[in-house]
């Protein structure tokens, strides 16, 4: 699977989130089989699946090679949303926080 730079998906500072893009579950089914993500969240997860874990800066540099502070903030917000939905884990070590996926590519 080719990683699509998020810069091609969204303008800086715009998450492009809609109610239909949120995590949804169908009654009586396995939660992981019904995970939905925006195109930008999917691009971010693709990078994490390839790298294993990364900081916000590393992810922003990959997804937005000519990025600005707005791009960094967009990646940070996307990670916060994914973390709140249990799709990524944050390692709050003494240095920069590192994020890793908690869902596998196969479950997604």
N, C-alpha and C. Protein backbone atom coordinates (compact mmCIF):
# COMPACT_ATOMS: atom_id res chain seq x y z
N UNK A 1 0.84 -1.18 0.00
CA UNK A 1 0.00 0.00 0.00
C UNK A 1 0.88 1.24 0.00
N UNK A 2 0.61 2.14 -0.91
CA UNK A 2 1.38 3.37 -1.01
C UNK A 2 0.88 4.40 -0.02
N UNK A 3 1.81 5.09 0.63
CA UNK A 3 1.45 6.15 1.57
C UNK A 3 1.17 7.41 0.78
N UNK A 4 -0.01 7.97 0.98
CA UNK A 4 -0.41 9.20 0.31
C UNK A 4 -0.13 10.35 1.27
N UNK A 5 0.71 11.31 0.88
CA UNK A 5 0.96 12.44 1.77
C UNK A 5 -0.34 13.16 2.11
N UNK A 6 -0.51 13.45 3.38
CA UNK A 6 -1.72 14.12 3.82
C UNK A 6 -1.85 15.50 3.20
N UNK A 7 -0.73 16.08 2.79
CA UNK A 7 -0.78 17.40 2.16
C UNK A 7 -1.66 17.35 0.92
N UNK A 8 -1.75 16.19 0.27
CA UNK A 8 -2.61 16.04 -0.89
C UNK A 8 -4.07 15.86 -0.51
N UNK A 9 -4.32 15.59 0.76
CA UNK A 9 -5.67 15.28 1.20
C UNK A 9 -6.39 16.47 1.82
N UNK A 10 -5.67 17.28 2.57
CA UNK A 10 -6.31 18.36 3.33
C UNK A 10 -5.45 19.61 3.34
N UNK A 11 -6.06 20.77 3.33
CA UNK A 11 -5.29 21.99 3.53
C UNK A 11 -4.85 22.09 4.99
N UNK A 12 -3.78 22.82 5.30
CA UNK A 12 -3.32 22.92 6.67
C UNK A 12 -4.39 23.51 7.58
N UNK A 13 -4.48 22.96 8.78
CA UNK A 13 -5.41 23.47 9.76
C UNK A 13 -6.84 22.98 9.58
N UNK A 14 -7.09 22.17 8.55
CA UNK A 14 -8.44 21.67 8.31
C UNK A 14 -8.44 20.17 8.46
N UNK A 15 -9.19 19.65 9.42
CA UNK A 15 -9.20 18.22 9.66
C UNK A 15 -10.17 17.48 8.76
N UNK A 16 -11.09 18.18 8.14
CA UNK A 16 -12.00 17.54 7.22
C UNK A 16 -12.87 16.48 7.87
N UNK A 17 -13.17 16.65 9.14
CA UNK A 17 -13.94 15.65 9.86
C UNK A 17 -15.43 15.93 9.73
N UNK A 18 -16.16 14.88 9.55
CA UNK A 18 -17.61 14.95 9.48
C UNK A 18 -18.17 13.91 10.43
N UNK A 19 -19.41 14.05 10.80
CA UNK A 19 -20.01 13.09 11.73
C UNK A 19 -19.87 11.67 11.22
N UNK A 20 -19.98 11.46 9.92
CA UNK A 20 -19.88 10.11 9.37
C UNK A 20 -18.47 9.55 9.42
N UNK A 21 -17.46 10.41 9.69
CA UNK A 21 -16.08 9.95 9.76
C UNK A 21 -15.68 9.43 11.13
N UNK A 22 -16.54 9.57 12.11
CA UNK A 22 -16.22 9.18 13.47
C UNK A 22 -16.26 7.66 13.64
N UNK A 23 -15.63 7.20 14.69
CA UNK A 23 -15.65 5.78 15.02
C UNK A 23 -17.09 5.35 15.22
N UNK A 24 -17.48 4.32 14.51
CA UNK A 24 -18.83 3.82 14.65
C UNK A 24 -18.80 2.32 14.91
N UNK A 25 -19.80 1.86 15.56
CA UNK A 25 -19.93 0.43 15.84
C UNK A 25 -21.34 0.00 15.51
N UNK A 26 -21.47 -1.18 14.93
CA UNK A 26 -22.78 -1.75 14.71
C UNK A 26 -23.09 -2.65 15.90
N UNK A 27 -24.30 -2.61 16.41
CA UNK A 27 -24.65 -3.44 17.56
C UNK A 27 -24.38 -4.92 17.28
N UNK A 28 -23.75 -5.57 18.27
CA UNK A 28 -23.52 -7.01 18.17
C UNK A 28 -22.36 -7.42 17.28
N UNK A 29 -21.49 -6.47 16.90
CA UNK A 29 -20.34 -6.84 16.07
C UNK A 29 -19.05 -6.44 16.76
N UNK A 30 -17.96 -6.99 16.28
CA UNK A 30 -16.64 -6.69 16.84
C UNK A 30 -16.26 -5.24 16.52
N UNK A 31 -15.82 -4.49 17.52
CA UNK A 31 -15.48 -3.08 17.38
C UNK A 31 -14.45 -2.86 16.28
N UNK A 32 -13.42 -3.68 16.19
CA UNK A 32 -12.35 -3.44 15.24
C UNK A 32 -12.79 -3.64 13.79
N UNK A 33 -13.83 -4.39 13.55
CA UNK A 33 -14.29 -4.61 12.19
C UNK A 33 -15.05 -3.40 11.65
N UNK A 34 -15.33 -2.41 12.48
CA UNK A 34 -16.14 -1.28 12.06
C UNK A 34 -15.43 0.05 12.24
N UNK A 35 -14.11 0.03 12.32
CA UNK A 35 -13.35 1.26 12.49
C UNK A 35 -13.40 2.06 11.20
N UNK A 36 -13.70 3.34 11.34
CA UNK A 36 -13.68 4.25 10.21
C UNK A 36 -12.72 5.38 10.53
N UNK A 37 -12.06 5.87 9.53
CA UNK A 37 -11.13 6.98 9.72
C UNK A 37 -11.20 7.89 8.50
N UNK A 38 -10.87 9.15 8.72
CA UNK A 38 -10.80 10.11 7.62
C UNK A 38 -9.60 9.75 6.74
N UNK A 39 -9.53 10.28 5.53
CA UNK A 39 -8.35 10.03 4.69
C UNK A 39 -7.04 10.48 5.37
N UNK A 40 -7.06 11.60 6.07
CA UNK A 40 -5.85 12.07 6.75
C UNK A 40 -5.46 11.13 7.88
N UNK A 41 -6.44 10.64 8.65
CA UNK A 41 -6.15 9.68 9.72
C UNK A 41 -5.60 8.39 9.14
N UNK A 42 -6.16 7.96 8.03
CA UNK A 42 -5.68 6.74 7.38
C UNK A 42 -4.24 6.90 6.90
N UNK A 43 -3.91 8.05 6.33
CA UNK A 43 -2.54 8.31 5.88
C UNK A 43 -1.57 8.28 7.07
N UNK A 44 -1.99 8.85 8.18
CA UNK A 44 -1.16 8.86 9.38
C UNK A 44 -0.96 7.43 9.90
N UNK A 45 -2.02 6.65 9.94
CA UNK A 45 -1.92 5.25 10.38
C UNK A 45 -1.00 4.45 9.45
N UNK A 46 -1.05 4.71 8.16
CA UNK A 46 -0.18 4.00 7.22
C UNK A 46 1.29 4.25 7.56
N UNK A 47 1.62 5.49 7.90
CA UNK A 47 3.01 5.80 8.27
C UNK A 47 3.37 5.05 9.56
N UNK A 48 2.48 5.07 10.54
CA UNK A 48 2.76 4.38 11.80
C UNK A 48 2.90 2.87 11.60
N UNK A 49 2.09 2.29 10.74
CA UNK A 49 2.21 0.85 10.47
C UNK A 49 3.56 0.55 9.83
N UNK A 50 4.05 1.44 9.00
CA UNK A 50 5.34 1.23 8.34
C UNK A 50 6.51 1.45 9.30
N UNK A 51 6.45 2.52 10.10
CA UNK A 51 7.55 2.87 11.01
C UNK A 51 7.49 2.15 12.35
N UNK A 52 6.29 1.80 12.81
CA UNK A 52 6.15 1.19 14.13
C UNK A 52 5.79 2.22 15.18
N UNK A 53 6.59 3.27 15.31
CA UNK A 53 6.27 4.38 16.20
C UNK A 53 7.00 5.62 15.70
N UNK A 54 6.51 6.78 16.13
CA UNK A 54 7.10 8.03 15.67
C UNK A 54 6.62 9.18 16.54
N UNK A 55 7.38 10.27 16.51
CA UNK A 55 6.98 11.50 17.19
C UNK A 55 6.08 12.31 16.26
N UNK A 56 5.46 13.34 16.82
CA UNK A 56 4.63 14.23 15.99
C UNK A 56 5.49 14.87 14.91
N UNK A 57 6.67 15.33 15.27
CA UNK A 57 7.56 15.99 14.30
C UNK A 57 7.92 15.03 13.17
N UNK A 58 8.27 13.79 13.49
CA UNK A 58 8.62 12.82 12.45
C UNK A 58 7.44 12.58 11.50
N UNK A 59 6.26 12.44 12.07
CA UNK A 59 5.06 12.21 11.25
C UNK A 59 4.76 13.43 10.38
N UNK A 60 4.86 14.62 10.97
CA UNK A 60 4.60 15.85 10.20
C UNK A 60 5.59 15.99 9.05
N UNK A 61 6.86 15.67 9.30
CA UNK A 61 7.88 15.78 8.26
C UNK A 61 7.63 14.80 7.11
N UNK A 62 7.09 13.63 7.42
CA UNK A 62 6.79 12.63 6.39
C UNK A 62 5.53 13.03 5.61
N UNK A 63 4.49 13.40 6.34
CA UNK A 63 3.21 13.70 5.69
C UNK A 63 3.19 15.07 5.01
N UNK A 64 3.93 16.01 5.54
CA UNK A 64 3.98 17.38 5.00
C UNK A 64 5.45 17.80 4.86
N UNK A 65 6.16 17.32 3.83
CA UNK A 65 7.60 17.60 3.70
C UNK A 65 7.96 19.08 3.73
N UNK A 66 7.13 19.94 3.23
CA UNK A 66 7.39 21.39 3.25
C UNK A 66 6.46 22.05 4.27
N UNK A 67 6.17 21.33 5.35
CA UNK A 67 5.15 21.75 6.30
C UNK A 67 5.46 22.98 7.12
N UNK A 68 4.39 23.53 7.65
CA UNK A 68 4.45 24.71 8.51
C UNK A 68 3.97 24.29 9.91
N UNK A 69 3.89 25.29 10.79
CA UNK A 69 3.38 25.02 12.13
C UNK A 69 1.93 24.51 12.06
N UNK A 70 1.17 24.99 11.10
CA UNK A 70 -0.22 24.53 10.94
C UNK A 70 -0.28 23.04 10.60
N UNK A 71 0.67 22.57 9.80
CA UNK A 71 0.72 21.14 9.47
C UNK A 71 1.05 20.32 10.72
N UNK A 72 2.02 20.80 11.50
CA UNK A 72 2.38 20.12 12.75
C UNK A 72 1.16 20.03 13.66
N UNK A 73 0.43 21.15 13.79
CA UNK A 73 -0.76 21.18 14.65
C UNK A 73 -1.84 20.23 14.13
N UNK A 74 -1.96 20.11 12.82
CA UNK A 74 -2.93 19.19 12.23
C UNK A 74 -2.59 17.75 12.60
N UNK A 75 -1.32 17.37 12.47
CA UNK A 75 -0.89 16.01 12.83
C UNK A 75 -1.12 15.78 14.33
N UNK A 76 -0.80 16.76 15.15
CA UNK A 76 -1.01 16.65 16.58
C UNK A 76 -2.49 16.40 16.90
N UNK A 77 -3.38 17.14 16.27
CA UNK A 77 -4.82 16.99 16.50
C UNK A 77 -5.32 15.64 16.00
N UNK A 78 -4.84 15.21 14.85
CA UNK A 78 -5.22 13.89 14.33
C UNK A 78 -4.81 12.78 15.30
N UNK A 79 -3.60 12.89 15.85
CA UNK A 79 -3.12 11.90 16.81
C UNK A 79 -3.96 11.91 18.08
N UNK A 80 -4.33 13.10 18.55
CA UNK A 80 -5.18 13.19 19.74
C UNK A 80 -6.51 12.50 19.50
N UNK A 81 -7.08 12.70 18.33
CA UNK A 81 -8.36 12.06 18.00
C UNK A 81 -8.21 10.54 17.91
N UNK A 82 -7.15 10.09 17.25
CA UNK A 82 -6.91 8.65 17.14
C UNK A 82 -6.64 8.03 18.51
N UNK A 83 -5.92 8.75 19.35
CA UNK A 83 -5.64 8.26 20.70
C UNK A 83 -6.93 8.16 21.51
N UNK A 84 -7.79 9.15 21.41
CA UNK A 84 -9.05 9.14 22.17
C UNK A 84 -9.96 8.00 21.74
N UNK A 85 -9.80 7.54 20.51
CA UNK A 85 -10.60 6.43 20.00
C UNK A 85 -9.89 5.09 20.16
N UNK A 86 -8.71 5.11 20.79
CA UNK A 86 -7.99 3.86 21.06
C UNK A 86 -7.28 3.27 19.86
N UNK A 87 -7.03 4.08 18.85
CA UNK A 87 -6.39 3.57 17.63
C UNK A 87 -4.87 3.75 17.64
N UNK A 88 -4.37 4.65 18.48
CA UNK A 88 -2.93 4.82 18.68
C UNK A 88 -2.66 4.93 20.17
N UNK A 89 -1.43 4.62 20.54
CA UNK A 89 -0.98 4.70 21.93
C UNK A 89 0.14 5.73 21.99
N UNK A 90 0.16 6.50 23.07
CA UNK A 90 1.18 7.52 23.28
C UNK A 90 2.13 7.05 24.36
N UNK A 91 3.43 7.06 24.06
CA UNK A 91 4.46 6.79 25.07
C UNK A 91 4.92 8.14 25.59
N UNK A 92 4.60 8.43 26.84
CA UNK A 92 4.91 9.72 27.44
C UNK A 92 6.26 9.69 28.15
N UNK A 93 7.28 9.22 27.46
CA UNK A 93 8.62 9.15 28.03
C UNK A 93 9.19 10.53 28.30
N UNK A 94 10.44 10.57 28.82
CA UNK A 94 11.05 11.85 29.18
C UNK A 94 11.35 12.75 27.98
N UNK A 95 11.44 12.19 26.82
CA UNK A 95 11.69 12.99 25.60
C UNK A 95 10.37 13.21 24.87
N UNK A 96 10.43 13.51 23.62
CA UNK A 96 9.23 13.73 22.81
C UNK A 96 8.33 12.50 22.87
N UNK A 97 7.04 12.73 22.99
CA UNK A 97 6.09 11.63 23.03
C UNK A 97 6.15 10.86 21.71
N UNK A 98 6.06 9.53 21.83
CA UNK A 98 6.07 8.68 20.64
C UNK A 98 4.71 8.01 20.54
N UNK A 99 4.23 7.89 19.31
CA UNK A 99 2.93 7.30 19.05
C UNK A 99 3.11 6.01 18.27
N UNK A 100 2.29 5.02 18.58
CA UNK A 100 2.32 3.75 17.85
C UNK A 100 0.88 3.29 17.63
N UNK A 101 0.65 2.54 16.57
CA UNK A 101 -0.72 2.08 16.29
C UNK A 101 -1.13 0.98 17.26
N UNK A 102 -2.39 0.97 17.64
CA UNK A 102 -2.93 -0.11 18.48
C UNK A 102 -3.84 -1.02 17.67
N UNK A 103 -4.16 -0.62 16.45
CA UNK A 103 -4.93 -1.47 15.54
C UNK A 103 -4.01 -1.90 14.42
N UNK A 104 -4.17 -3.12 13.98
CA UNK A 104 -3.33 -3.61 12.90
C UNK A 104 -3.95 -3.21 11.56
N UNK A 105 -3.12 -3.23 10.56
CA UNK A 105 -3.58 -2.93 9.21
C UNK A 105 -4.67 -3.92 8.79
N UNK A 106 -4.51 -5.16 9.20
CA UNK A 106 -5.47 -6.21 8.84
C UNK A 106 -6.84 -5.98 9.51
N UNK A 107 -6.84 -5.46 10.75
CA UNK A 107 -8.10 -5.21 11.46
C UNK A 107 -8.78 -3.94 10.95
N UNK A 108 -8.02 -3.10 10.28
CA UNK A 108 -8.54 -1.83 9.81
C UNK A 108 -9.20 -2.08 8.49
